[in-house]
Amino acid sequence: MSDIKLQNTQEALDLFLERVISKSKDNLSKRGVNASGDLSKSLKSKVKVSKNSFEAVVLAEDYAKFIDRGVKGVKSGSSLSGFAYKSKGGKNGLKGMPPPSAFDKWNVRRGRAARDEKGRFLSRKQLNFKTAVGVFMYGIKPTKFLTDPIEEEFNKLPRELVEAYGLDIEKFIEFLLKE
């Protein structure tokens, strides 16, 4: 007996992930989270279907989970997965904060230009430091850019998957009857 491919099941899962990724990219745009576009470009899917099981995975940049689920700051904020910044001491309790250089391109793309108490513009280095301190203290708000589409599409998936798997089983039985 040769290998039977579960083509309909594969197609149903591919369609599921295609819709999840499309909606996730839309959410990133709508919520203004994707400054460089790198995060939406990194969203890919991978489906593996075998006779006994299947696997559907969304691949993305490492930081996607923090943008999606949020990170609690030292002073306030929330995270849906328990991610949190913790002060490790240091000068002014800032040891453990994200590196200010990580916010340089983000600040430039956003066109941010903060001022000091005298009304003077801050240098880029000062602005990056101020942004890093703000994120460290108050965290990153959860966007659920990926979680919401997965939950929404997952509610549709069982019906579609059962139908697709049923079609594959019918083809499998026809194949067995021919042999």
N, C-alpha and C. Protein backbone atom coordinates (compact mmCIF):
# COMPACT_ATOMS: atom_id res chain seq x y z
N MET A 1 0.85 -1.18 0.00
CA MET A 1 0.00 0.00 0.00
C MET A 1 0.90 1.24 0.00
N SER A 2 0.61 2.17 -0.87
CA SER A 2 1.42 3.40 -0.93
C SER A 2 0.93 4.42 0.09
N ASP A 3 1.73 5.44 0.28
CA ASP A 3 1.37 6.51 1.23
C ASP A 3 0.17 7.29 0.71
N ILE A 4 -0.76 7.55 1.62
CA ILE A 4 -1.93 8.36 1.30
C ILE A 4 -1.69 9.75 1.87
N LYS A 5 -1.79 10.76 1.03
CA LYS A 5 -1.61 12.13 1.50
C LYS A 5 -2.97 12.70 1.90
N LEU A 6 -3.01 13.35 3.01
CA LEU A 6 -4.24 13.98 3.48
C LEU A 6 -4.31 15.39 2.90
N GLN A 7 -4.52 15.46 1.59
CA GLN A 7 -4.46 16.71 0.85
C GLN A 7 -5.49 17.72 1.33
N ASN A 8 -6.73 17.29 1.57
CA ASN A 8 -7.78 18.22 2.00
C ASN A 8 -7.48 18.79 3.38
N THR A 9 -6.97 17.93 4.26
CA THR A 9 -6.59 18.38 5.60
C THR A 9 -5.46 19.41 5.51
N GLN A 10 -4.48 19.09 4.66
CA GLN A 10 -3.36 20.01 4.43
C GLN A 10 -3.87 21.36 3.93
N GLU A 11 -4.77 21.34 2.97
CA GLU A 11 -5.30 22.58 2.40
C GLU A 11 -6.11 23.37 3.44
N ALA A 12 -6.87 22.68 4.28
CA ALA A 12 -7.65 23.37 5.32
C ALA A 12 -6.73 24.06 6.32
N LEU A 13 -5.65 23.38 6.70
CA LEU A 13 -4.70 23.99 7.65
C LEU A 13 -3.93 25.13 7.00
N ASP A 14 -3.57 24.96 5.73
CA ASP A 14 -2.88 26.04 5.01
C ASP A 14 -3.77 27.29 4.95
N LEU A 15 -5.04 27.10 4.64
CA LEU A 15 -5.99 28.21 4.57
C LEU A 15 -6.16 28.87 5.94
N PHE A 16 -6.25 28.05 6.99
CA PHE A 16 -6.35 28.55 8.36
C PHE A 16 -5.18 29.49 8.68
N LEU A 17 -3.96 29.02 8.43
CA LEU A 17 -2.77 29.83 8.74
C LEU A 17 -2.66 31.05 7.83
N GLU A 18 -3.08 30.90 6.59
CA GLU A 18 -3.05 32.04 5.66
C GLU A 18 -3.95 33.17 6.19
N ARG A 19 -5.14 32.80 6.66
CA ARG A 19 -6.06 33.80 7.20
C ARG A 19 -5.53 34.40 8.50
N VAL A 20 -4.92 33.57 9.35
CA VAL A 20 -4.35 34.07 10.62
C VAL A 20 -3.26 35.10 10.33
N ILE A 21 -2.37 34.78 9.42
CA ILE A 21 -1.26 35.68 9.10
C ILE A 21 -1.77 36.96 8.45
N SER A 22 -2.72 36.85 7.55
CA SER A 22 -3.29 38.03 6.91
C SER A 22 -3.93 38.97 7.94
N LYS A 23 -4.72 38.42 8.83
CA LYS A 23 -5.36 39.24 9.86
C LYS A 23 -4.34 39.80 10.84
N SER A 24 -3.30 39.05 11.14
CA SER A 24 -2.24 39.53 12.04
C SER A 24 -1.52 40.73 11.43
N LYS A 25 -1.22 40.65 10.15
CA LYS A 25 -0.57 41.77 9.46
C LYS A 25 -1.48 43.00 9.46
N ASP A 26 -2.77 42.78 9.23
CA ASP A 26 -3.73 43.90 9.29
C ASP A 26 -3.74 44.53 10.68
N ASN A 27 -3.74 43.68 11.71
CA ASN A 27 -3.74 44.18 13.10
C ASN A 27 -2.49 44.99 13.40
N LEU A 28 -1.34 44.54 12.92
CA LEU A 28 -0.10 45.29 13.14
C LEU A 28 -0.20 46.68 12.52
N SER A 29 -0.76 46.75 11.33
CA SER A 29 -0.91 48.05 10.66
C SER A 29 -1.90 48.94 11.40
N LYS A 30 -3.07 48.38 11.72
CA LYS A 30 -4.12 49.16 12.37
C LYS A 30 -3.69 49.68 13.74
N ARG A 31 -2.94 48.88 14.47
CA ARG A 31 -2.57 49.23 15.84
C ARG A 31 -1.27 50.04 15.90
N GLY A 32 -0.67 50.30 14.75
CA GLY A 32 0.51 51.15 14.69
C GLY A 32 1.73 50.57 15.40
N VAL A 33 1.84 49.27 15.40
CA VAL A 33 2.92 48.61 16.15
C VAL A 33 4.11 48.31 15.25
N ASN A 34 3.90 48.23 13.97
CA ASN A 34 4.90 47.72 13.04
C ASN A 34 5.68 48.85 12.37
N ALA A 35 6.51 49.55 13.12
CA ALA A 35 7.21 50.73 12.62
C ALA A 35 8.08 50.43 11.40
N SER A 36 8.88 49.38 11.46
CA SER A 36 9.79 49.08 10.36
C SER A 36 9.19 48.14 9.33
N GLY A 37 8.16 47.42 9.69
CA GLY A 37 7.57 46.43 8.79
C GLY A 37 8.23 45.07 8.90
N ASP A 38 9.32 44.98 9.68
CA ASP A 38 10.04 43.71 9.81
C ASP A 38 9.20 42.62 10.45
N LEU A 39 8.39 43.00 11.43
CA LEU A 39 7.59 42.00 12.12
C LEU A 39 6.56 41.37 11.18
N SER A 40 5.85 42.19 10.41
CA SER A 40 4.86 41.61 9.49
C SER A 40 5.53 40.81 8.38
N LYS A 41 6.70 41.24 7.93
CA LYS A 41 7.43 40.49 6.91
C LYS A 41 7.90 39.14 7.43
N SER A 42 8.14 39.05 8.74
CA SER A 42 8.67 37.81 9.31
C SER A 42 7.59 36.75 9.55
N LEU A 43 6.32 37.12 9.48
CA LEU A 43 5.24 36.16 9.74
C LEU A 43 5.15 35.14 8.62
N LYS A 44 5.38 33.89 8.97
CA LYS A 44 5.34 32.76 8.02
C LYS A 44 4.59 31.62 8.68
N SER A 45 4.15 30.66 7.87
CA SER A 45 3.46 29.50 8.43
C SER A 45 4.14 28.21 7.99
N LYS A 46 3.89 27.18 8.79
CA LYS A 46 4.46 25.87 8.50
C LYS A 46 3.42 24.83 8.90
N VAL A 47 3.06 23.95 7.96
CA VAL A 47 2.07 22.91 8.22
C VAL A 47 2.70 21.56 7.91
N LYS A 48 2.49 20.62 8.82
CA LYS A 48 2.99 19.26 8.62
C LYS A 48 1.84 18.31 8.93
N VAL A 49 1.41 17.55 7.92
CA VAL A 49 0.30 16.61 8.09
C VAL A 49 0.83 15.20 7.86
N SER A 50 0.55 14.31 8.80
CA SER A 50 0.88 12.90 8.64
C SER A 50 -0.38 12.08 8.90
N LYS A 51 -0.27 10.76 8.77
CA LYS A 51 -1.45 9.90 8.94
C LYS A 51 -2.07 10.02 10.33
N ASN A 52 -1.23 10.17 11.35
CA ASN A 52 -1.71 10.14 12.74
C ASN A 52 -1.87 11.50 13.39
N SER A 53 -1.29 12.54 12.80
CA SER A 53 -1.33 13.85 13.46
C SER A 53 -1.08 14.96 12.45
N PHE A 54 -1.21 16.17 12.94
CA PHE A 54 -0.87 17.33 12.12
C PHE A 54 -0.32 18.41 13.04
N GLU A 55 0.45 19.32 12.42
CA GLU A 55 1.07 20.42 13.17
C GLU A 55 0.95 21.67 12.32
N ALA A 56 0.51 22.75 12.94
CA ALA A 56 0.39 24.04 12.26
C ALA A 56 1.08 25.08 13.14
N VAL A 57 2.07 25.77 12.57
CA VAL A 57 2.89 26.71 13.34
C VAL A 57 3.00 28.04 12.63
N VAL A 58 2.95 29.13 13.40
CA VAL A 58 3.21 30.47 12.88
C VAL A 58 4.61 30.87 13.34
N LEU A 59 5.45 31.23 12.39
CA LEU A 59 6.82 31.65 12.70
C LEU A 59 6.91 33.17 12.59
N ALA A 60 7.69 33.79 13.50
CA ALA A 60 7.84 35.25 13.50
C ALA A 60 9.14 35.62 14.21
N GLU A 61 9.46 36.92 14.17
CA GLU A 61 10.63 37.43 14.90
C GLU A 61 10.50 37.05 16.38
N ASP A 62 11.63 36.96 17.07
CA ASP A 62 11.63 36.58 18.49
C ASP A 62 10.80 37.51 19.36
N TYR A 63 10.81 38.79 19.04
CA TYR A 63 10.13 39.77 19.89
C TYR A 63 8.61 39.81 19.66
N ALA A 64 8.11 39.04 18.71
CA ALA A 64 6.67 39.04 18.41
C ALA A 64 5.84 38.66 19.63
N LYS A 65 6.33 37.70 20.42
CA LYS A 65 5.57 37.27 21.60
C LYS A 65 5.42 38.40 22.61
N PHE A 66 6.42 39.27 22.71
CA PHE A 66 6.34 40.39 23.66
C PHE A 66 5.37 41.47 23.16
N ILE A 67 5.36 41.69 21.84
CA ILE A 67 4.43 42.66 21.27
C ILE A 67 3.00 42.14 21.40
N ASP A 68 2.83 40.86 21.14
CA ASP A 68 1.50 40.25 21.20
C ASP A 68 0.97 40.15 22.63
N ARG A 69 1.76 39.64 23.54
CA ARG A 69 1.29 39.35 24.89
C ARG A 69 1.58 40.48 25.89
N GLY A 70 2.46 41.41 25.54
CA GLY A 70 2.77 42.53 26.42
C GLY A 70 3.86 42.18 27.44
N VAL A 71 4.41 43.21 28.06
CA VAL A 71 5.43 43.04 29.10
C VAL A 71 5.10 44.02 30.22
N LYS A 72 5.03 43.53 31.43
CA LYS A 72 4.74 44.38 32.59
C LYS A 72 5.99 45.17 32.94
N GLY A 73 5.82 46.46 33.18
CA GLY A 73 6.94 47.30 33.58
C GLY A 73 7.24 47.18 35.06
N VAL A 74 8.28 47.83 35.51
CA VAL A 74 8.68 47.79 36.92
C VAL A 74 7.61 48.48 37.78
N LYS A 75 7.07 49.60 37.31
CA LYS A 75 6.06 50.34 38.09
C LYS A 75 4.63 49.90 37.78
N SER A 76 4.30 49.71 36.52
CA SER A 76 2.93 49.34 36.16
C SER A 76 2.92 48.68 34.80
N GLY A 77 1.73 48.36 34.32
CA GLY A 77 1.58 47.71 33.03
C GLY A 77 1.00 46.33 33.21
N SER A 78 0.80 45.64 32.10
CA SER A 78 0.25 44.29 32.19
C SER A 78 0.84 43.40 31.10
N SER A 79 0.80 42.11 31.38
CA SER A 79 1.24 41.11 30.43
C SER A 79 0.28 39.95 30.50
N LEU A 80 -0.06 39.40 29.36
CA LEU A 80 -0.98 38.27 29.32
C LEU A 80 -0.27 36.94 29.56
N SER A 81 1.07 36.95 29.54
CA SER A 81 1.84 35.72 29.74
C SER A 81 2.81 35.79 30.89
N GLY A 82 2.72 36.82 31.71
CA GLY A 82 3.61 36.93 32.85
C GLY A 82 4.99 37.50 32.54
N PHE A 83 5.19 38.02 31.32
CA PHE A 83 6.46 38.67 31.01
C PHE A 83 6.55 39.96 31.82
N ALA A 84 7.72 40.21 32.41
CA ALA A 84 7.88 41.42 33.22
C ALA A 84 9.34 41.86 33.26
N TYR A 85 9.53 43.17 33.26
CA TYR A 85 10.86 43.72 33.49
C TYR A 85 11.09 43.72 35.00
N LYS A 86 12.33 43.45 35.40
CA LYS A 86 12.67 43.47 36.81
C LYS A 86 13.92 44.30 36.99
N SER A 87 13.89 45.18 37.97
CA SER A 87 15.07 45.99 38.27
C SER A 87 16.11 45.12 38.94
N LYS A 88 17.32 45.21 38.46
CA LYS A 88 18.42 44.43 39.04
C LYS A 88 19.38 45.34 39.79
N GLY A 89 18.83 46.46 40.30
CA GLY A 89 19.65 47.41 41.06
C GLY A 89 20.33 48.38 40.14
N GLY A 90 21.58 48.66 40.43
CA GLY A 90 22.33 49.59 39.61
C GLY A 90 21.96 51.03 39.93
N LYS A 91 22.54 51.95 39.18
CA LYS A 91 22.29 53.38 39.39
C LYS A 91 20.82 53.69 39.09
N ASN A 92 20.14 54.28 40.04
CA ASN A 92 18.72 54.64 39.94
C ASN A 92 17.80 53.44 39.68
N GLY A 93 18.29 52.23 39.95
CA GLY A 93 17.48 51.03 39.75
C GLY A 93 17.20 50.70 38.31
N LEU A 94 18.05 51.18 37.39
CA LEU A 94 17.78 51.00 35.96
C LEU A 94 18.53 49.81 35.36
N LYS A 95 19.27 49.08 36.16
CA LYS A 95 19.95 47.90 35.63
C LYS A 95 18.88 46.86 35.28
N GLY A 96 18.92 46.34 34.08
CA GLY A 96 17.93 45.38 33.63
C GLY A 96 16.98 45.95 32.59
N MET A 97 17.10 47.26 32.31
CA MET A 97 16.21 47.86 31.31
C MET A 97 16.72 47.53 29.90
N PRO A 98 15.84 47.62 28.90
CA PRO A 98 16.28 47.35 27.53
C PRO A 98 17.32 48.38 27.09
N PRO A 99 18.20 48.00 26.18
CA PRO A 99 19.22 48.95 25.73
C PRO A 99 18.59 50.12 24.96
N PRO A 100 18.99 51.34 25.28
CA PRO A 100 18.44 52.51 24.58
C PRO A 100 18.64 52.45 23.06
N SER A 101 19.74 51.85 22.62
CA SER A 101 20.01 51.77 21.18
C SER A 101 18.93 51.00 20.43
N ALA A 102 18.21 50.13 21.12
CA ALA A 102 17.15 49.34 20.49
C ALA A 102 15.99 50.22 20.03
N PHE A 103 15.89 51.43 20.57
CA PHE A 103 14.78 52.32 20.25
C PHE A 103 15.15 53.40 19.26
N ASP A 104 16.40 53.43 18.78
CA ASP A 104 16.85 54.49 17.90
C ASP A 104 16.04 54.54 16.61
N LYS A 105 16.03 53.47 15.85
CA LYS A 105 15.31 53.46 14.57
C LYS A 105 13.81 53.62 14.80
N TRP A 106 13.31 53.03 15.88
CA TRP A 106 11.88 53.11 16.21
C TRP A 106 11.49 54.58 16.42
N ASN A 107 12.29 55.32 17.20
CA ASN A 107 12.00 56.74 17.44
C ASN A 107 12.07 57.56 16.16
N VAL A 108 13.05 57.26 15.31
CA VAL A 108 13.20 57.99 14.05
C VAL A 108 12.01 57.74 13.14
N ARG A 109 11.61 56.47 13.00
CA ARG A 109 10.48 56.13 12.13
C ARG A 109 9.18 56.75 12.62
N ARG A 110 9.07 56.91 13.93
CA ARG A 110 7.87 57.51 14.51
C ARG A 110 7.90 59.03 14.45
N GLY A 111 9.06 59.59 14.13
CA GLY A 111 9.18 61.04 14.07
C GLY A 111 9.08 61.69 15.45
N ARG A 112 9.53 60.96 16.45
CA ARG A 112 9.43 61.47 17.82
C ARG A 112 10.50 62.52 18.06
N ALA A 113 10.14 63.58 18.74
CA ALA A 113 11.07 64.65 19.07
C ALA A 113 10.62 65.25 20.41
N ALA A 114 11.15 64.70 21.49
CA ALA A 114 10.75 65.17 22.83
C ALA A 114 11.55 66.41 23.20
N ARG A 115 11.02 67.15 24.17
CA ARG A 115 11.68 68.35 24.66
C ARG A 115 11.94 68.21 26.16
N ASP A 116 12.93 68.95 26.63
CA ASP A 116 13.20 68.95 28.07
C ASP A 116 12.33 70.01 28.75
N GLU A 117 12.52 70.19 30.06
CA GLU A 117 11.67 71.13 30.81
C GLU A 117 11.84 72.59 30.37
N LYS A 118 12.94 72.91 29.68
CA LYS A 118 13.15 74.28 29.19
C LYS A 118 12.67 74.46 27.76
N GLY A 119 12.10 73.41 27.19
CA GLY A 119 11.57 73.50 25.83
C GLY A 119 12.56 73.17 24.74
N ARG A 120 13.78 72.77 25.11
CA ARG A 120 14.79 72.42 24.10
C ARG A 120 14.58 70.98 23.64
N PHE A 121 14.87 70.74 22.36
CA PHE A 121 14.78 69.37 21.85
C PHE A 121 15.84 68.50 22.50
N LEU A 122 15.48 67.26 22.78
CA LEU A 122 16.45 66.30 23.31
C LEU A 122 17.28 65.75 22.16
N SER A 123 18.53 65.38 22.47
CA SER A 123 19.35 64.74 21.44
C SER A 123 18.77 63.34 21.19
N ARG A 124 19.18 62.72 20.11
CA ARG A 124 18.70 61.38 19.79
C ARG A 124 19.05 60.39 20.89
N LYS A 125 20.25 60.52 21.41
CA LYS A 125 20.71 59.64 22.48
C LYS A 125 19.84 59.81 23.73
N GLN A 126 19.53 61.05 24.08
CA GLN A 126 18.68 61.32 25.25
C GLN A 126 17.26 60.78 25.03
N LEU A 127 16.74 60.96 23.81
CA LEU A 127 15.41 60.48 23.50
C LEU A 127 15.35 58.95 23.59
N ASN A 128 16.37 58.28 23.07
CA ASN A 128 16.42 56.82 23.14
C ASN A 128 16.46 56.35 24.59
N PHE A 129 17.24 57.04 25.42
CA PHE A 129 17.33 56.68 26.84
C PHE A 129 15.98 56.89 27.52
N LYS A 130 15.36 58.01 27.24
CA LYS A 130 14.06 58.32 27.84
C LYS A 130 13.01 57.28 27.44
N THR A 131 13.04 56.85 26.17
CA THR A 131 12.12 55.83 25.68
C THR A 131 12.37 54.50 26.39
N ALA A 132 13.65 54.12 26.52
CA ALA A 132 14.00 52.86 27.18
C ALA A 132 13.54 52.86 28.64
N VAL A 133 13.73 53.98 29.33
CA VAL A 133 13.30 54.09 30.73
C VAL A 133 11.77 53.97 30.80
N GLY A 134 11.07 54.63 29.89
CA GLY A 134 9.61 54.56 29.86
C GLY A 134 9.10 53.14 29.66
N VAL A 135 9.70 52.42 28.73
CA VAL A 135 9.30 51.03 28.48
C VAL A 135 9.63 50.17 29.70
N PHE A 136 10.79 50.40 30.31
CA PHE A 136 11.21 49.64 31.49
C PHE A 136 10.25 49.88 32.65
N MET A 137 9.85 51.10 32.86
CA MET A 137 8.98 51.43 34.00
C MET A 137 7.52 51.04 33.77
N TYR A 138 7.02 51.26 32.56
CA TYR A 138 5.59 51.09 32.31
C TYR A 138 5.24 49.94 31.38
N GLY A 139 6.27 49.25 30.85
CA GLY A 139 6.05 48.05 30.07
C GLY A 139 5.59 48.28 28.65
N ILE A 140 5.21 47.18 28.03
CA ILE A 140 4.70 47.17 26.66
C ILE A 140 3.27 46.65 26.73
N LYS A 141 2.34 47.45 26.25
CA LYS A 141 0.93 47.09 26.30
C LYS A 141 0.66 45.89 25.37
N PRO A 142 -0.13 44.90 25.83
CA PRO A 142 -0.46 43.76 24.96
C PRO A 142 -1.29 44.23 23.75
N THR A 143 -0.92 43.75 22.56
CA THR A 143 -1.66 44.12 21.37
C THR A 143 -2.56 42.98 20.89
N LYS A 144 -2.21 41.76 21.20
CA LYS A 144 -2.94 40.56 20.77
C LYS A 144 -3.12 40.55 19.24
N PHE A 145 -2.11 41.09 18.53
CA PHE A 145 -2.18 41.14 17.07
C PHE A 145 -2.23 39.74 16.47
N LEU A 146 -1.66 38.75 17.14
CA LEU A 146 -1.65 37.38 16.65
C LEU A 146 -2.65 36.51 17.40
N THR A 147 -2.80 36.73 18.68
CA THR A 147 -3.70 35.93 19.51
C THR A 147 -5.14 36.04 19.04
N ASP A 148 -5.62 37.24 18.78
CA ASP A 148 -7.01 37.44 18.35
C ASP A 148 -7.33 36.69 17.05
N PRO A 149 -6.51 36.83 15.99
CA PRO A 149 -6.81 36.08 14.76
C PRO A 149 -6.75 34.56 14.95
N ILE A 150 -5.82 34.09 15.76
CA ILE A 150 -5.75 32.64 15.99
C ILE A 150 -7.03 32.16 16.66
N GLU A 151 -7.48 32.87 17.69
CA GLU A 151 -8.71 32.46 18.38
C GLU A 151 -9.91 32.54 17.46
N GLU A 152 -10.00 33.61 16.67
CA GLU A 152 -11.12 33.79 15.76
C GLU A 152 -11.17 32.68 14.70
N GLU A 153 -10.03 32.41 14.08
CA GLU A 153 -9.97 31.40 13.03
C GLU A 153 -10.05 29.98 13.60
N PHE A 154 -9.56 29.79 14.82
CA PHE A 154 -9.62 28.47 15.43
C PHE A 154 -11.06 28.04 15.67
N ASN A 155 -11.93 28.99 15.97
CA ASN A 155 -13.35 28.66 16.16
C ASN A 155 -13.98 28.14 14.87
N LYS A 156 -13.47 28.57 13.71
CA LYS A 156 -13.97 28.10 12.42
C LYS A 156 -13.31 26.78 12.00
N LEU A 157 -12.12 26.54 12.51
CA LEU A 157 -11.30 25.43 12.05
C LEU A 157 -11.91 24.05 12.28
N PRO A 158 -12.45 23.72 13.46
CA PRO A 158 -12.93 22.35 13.65
C PRO A 158 -13.91 21.89 12.57
N ARG A 159 -14.88 22.72 12.22
CA ARG A 159 -15.86 22.36 11.19
C ARG A 159 -15.15 22.12 9.85
N GLU A 160 -14.28 23.05 9.46
CA GLU A 160 -13.57 22.93 8.19
C GLU A 160 -12.64 21.71 8.18
N LEU A 161 -11.97 21.49 9.30
CA LEU A 161 -11.02 20.39 9.39
C LEU A 161 -11.74 19.04 9.36
N VAL A 162 -12.87 18.94 10.04
CA VAL A 162 -13.65 17.69 10.03
C VAL A 162 -14.12 17.39 8.61
N GLU A 163 -14.61 18.42 7.91
CA GLU A 163 -15.05 18.22 6.53
C GLU A 163 -13.88 17.79 5.64
N ALA A 164 -12.74 18.47 5.78
CA ALA A 164 -11.57 18.15 4.96
C ALA A 164 -11.05 16.75 5.28
N TYR A 165 -10.98 16.42 6.56
CA TYR A 165 -10.50 15.09 6.96
C TYR A 165 -11.46 14.02 6.45
N GLY A 166 -12.77 14.31 6.49
CA GLY A 166 -13.77 13.37 5.97
C GLY A 166 -13.56 13.10 4.49
N LEU A 167 -13.27 14.15 3.71
CA LEU A 167 -13.00 13.98 2.29
C LEU A 167 -11.75 13.13 2.07
N ASP A 168 -10.72 13.34 2.90
CA ASP A 168 -9.50 12.53 2.79
C ASP A 168 -9.78 11.07 3.12
N ILE A 169 -10.62 10.81 4.12
CA ILE A 169 -10.95 9.45 4.50
C ILE A 169 -11.73 8.77 3.36
N GLU A 170 -12.65 9.51 2.72
CA GLU A 170 -13.39 8.96 1.58
C GLU A 170 -12.43 8.54 0.47
N LYS A 171 -11.46 9.39 0.15
CA LYS A 171 -10.46 9.06 -0.88
C LYS A 171 -9.64 7.85 -0.47
N PHE A 172 -9.31 7.77 0.81
CA PHE A 172 -8.52 6.65 1.32
C PHE A 172 -9.31 5.35 1.16
N ILE A 173 -10.61 5.38 1.49
CA ILE A 173 -11.44 4.17 1.37
C ILE A 173 -11.57 3.78 -0.10
N GLU A 174 -11.78 4.77 -1.01
CA GLU A 174 -11.84 4.48 -2.44
C GLU A 174 -10.53 3.84 -2.91
N PHE A 175 -9.41 4.34 -2.41
CA PHE A 175 -8.10 3.79 -2.78
C PHE A 175 -7.98 2.35 -2.32
N LEU A 176 -8.41 2.06 -1.10
CA LEU A 176 -8.35 0.69 -0.57
C LEU A 176 -9.24 -0.26 -1.37
N LEU A 177 -10.41 0.22 -1.77
CA LEU A 177 -11.33 -0.63 -2.51
C LEU A 177 -10.81 -0.97 -3.90
N LYS A 178 -10.01 -0.05 -4.48
CA LYS A 178 -9.43 -0.29 -5.81
C LYS A 178 -8.34 -1.35 -5.76
N GLU A 179 -7.63 -1.45 -4.63
CA GLU A 179 -6.50 -2.38 -4.53
C GLU A 179 -6.92 -3.80 -4.36
